[in-house]
Protein backbone atom coordinates (compact mmCIF):
# COMPACT_ATOMS: atom_id res chain seq x y z
CA MET A 1 75.58 61.44 106.74
CA ILE A 2 73.31 64.47 106.64
CA LYS A 3 74.68 67.73 108.05
CA LEU A 4 72.64 70.74 109.12
CA CYS A 5 73.78 74.29 109.89
CA LYS A 6 72.67 75.48 113.33
CA HIS A 7 72.00 78.95 111.87
CA ASN A 8 69.52 77.77 109.20
CA SER A 9 65.87 78.60 109.83
CA GLY A 10 64.70 75.02 109.19
CA THR A 11 67.22 73.17 111.34
CA GLU A 12 64.97 72.70 114.36
CA LYS A 13 62.14 71.14 112.33
CA MET A 14 64.58 69.02 110.31
CA VAL A 15 66.19 67.66 113.50
CA GLU A 16 62.73 66.71 114.81
CA TYR A 17 61.96 64.91 111.55
CA PHE A 18 65.32 63.08 111.42
CA GLU A 19 65.06 61.96 115.05
CA LYS A 20 61.50 60.73 114.51
CA GLU A 21 62.56 58.78 111.40
CA GLY A 22 65.83 57.51 112.91
CA ILE A 23 67.95 59.24 110.25
CA GLU A 24 71.59 59.82 111.20
CA HIS A 25 72.51 63.51 111.16
CA THR A 26 74.70 66.15 112.78
CA VAL A 27 74.21 69.83 113.49
CA GLU A 28 77.32 71.86 112.68
CA ASN A 29 78.21 75.42 113.69
CA CYS A 30 78.58 76.46 110.02
CA LEU A 31 78.61 74.55 106.74
CA GLY A 32 80.10 77.37 104.68
CA GLU A 33 76.97 77.77 102.53
CA CYS A 34 75.88 81.16 103.88
CA ASP A 35 74.25 82.35 100.64
CA VAL A 36 71.92 79.34 100.67
CA CYS A 37 71.57 79.31 104.45
CA HIS A 38 70.15 82.83 104.59
CA SER A 39 67.63 82.34 101.78
CA LYS A 40 66.46 78.70 101.87
CA VAL A 41 66.14 75.63 104.04
CA PHE A 42 69.02 73.24 103.27
CA VAL A 43 71.10 70.25 104.29
CA LYS A 44 74.36 68.76 103.08
CA LYS A 45 74.17 65.07 102.22
CA ASP A 46 77.49 63.48 101.24
CA GLU A 47 78.82 67.02 100.51
CA GLU A 48 75.91 67.74 98.10
CA VAL A 49 73.80 70.77 99.02
CA ILE A 50 70.06 70.03 98.89
CA SER A 51 67.82 73.08 99.35
CA ALA A 52 64.16 74.08 99.17
CA ASP A 53 61.88 76.96 100.05
CA THR A 54 60.16 75.08 102.89
CA VAL A 55 60.94 72.24 105.29
CA GLU A 56 58.20 70.14 103.72
CA GLU A 57 59.71 70.55 100.23
CA LEU A 58 63.17 69.69 101.56
CA ILE A 59 61.89 66.52 103.24
CA SER A 60 60.35 65.39 99.96
CA LYS A 61 63.69 65.95 98.15
CA ILE A 62 65.75 63.90 100.60
């Protein structure tokens, strides 16, 4: 399961991508990764933090 923080700048675009691709995900109030959240686009996949500078880079990492 992929989790997104609702406060992250890339969440809206990531949700659009996941819904388009049929990828299961949730949007949480906070994932406790504030240092990453305020500086990069990120998701948590199976408790592993995956981050990138842009949404496009993050999509290619997932």
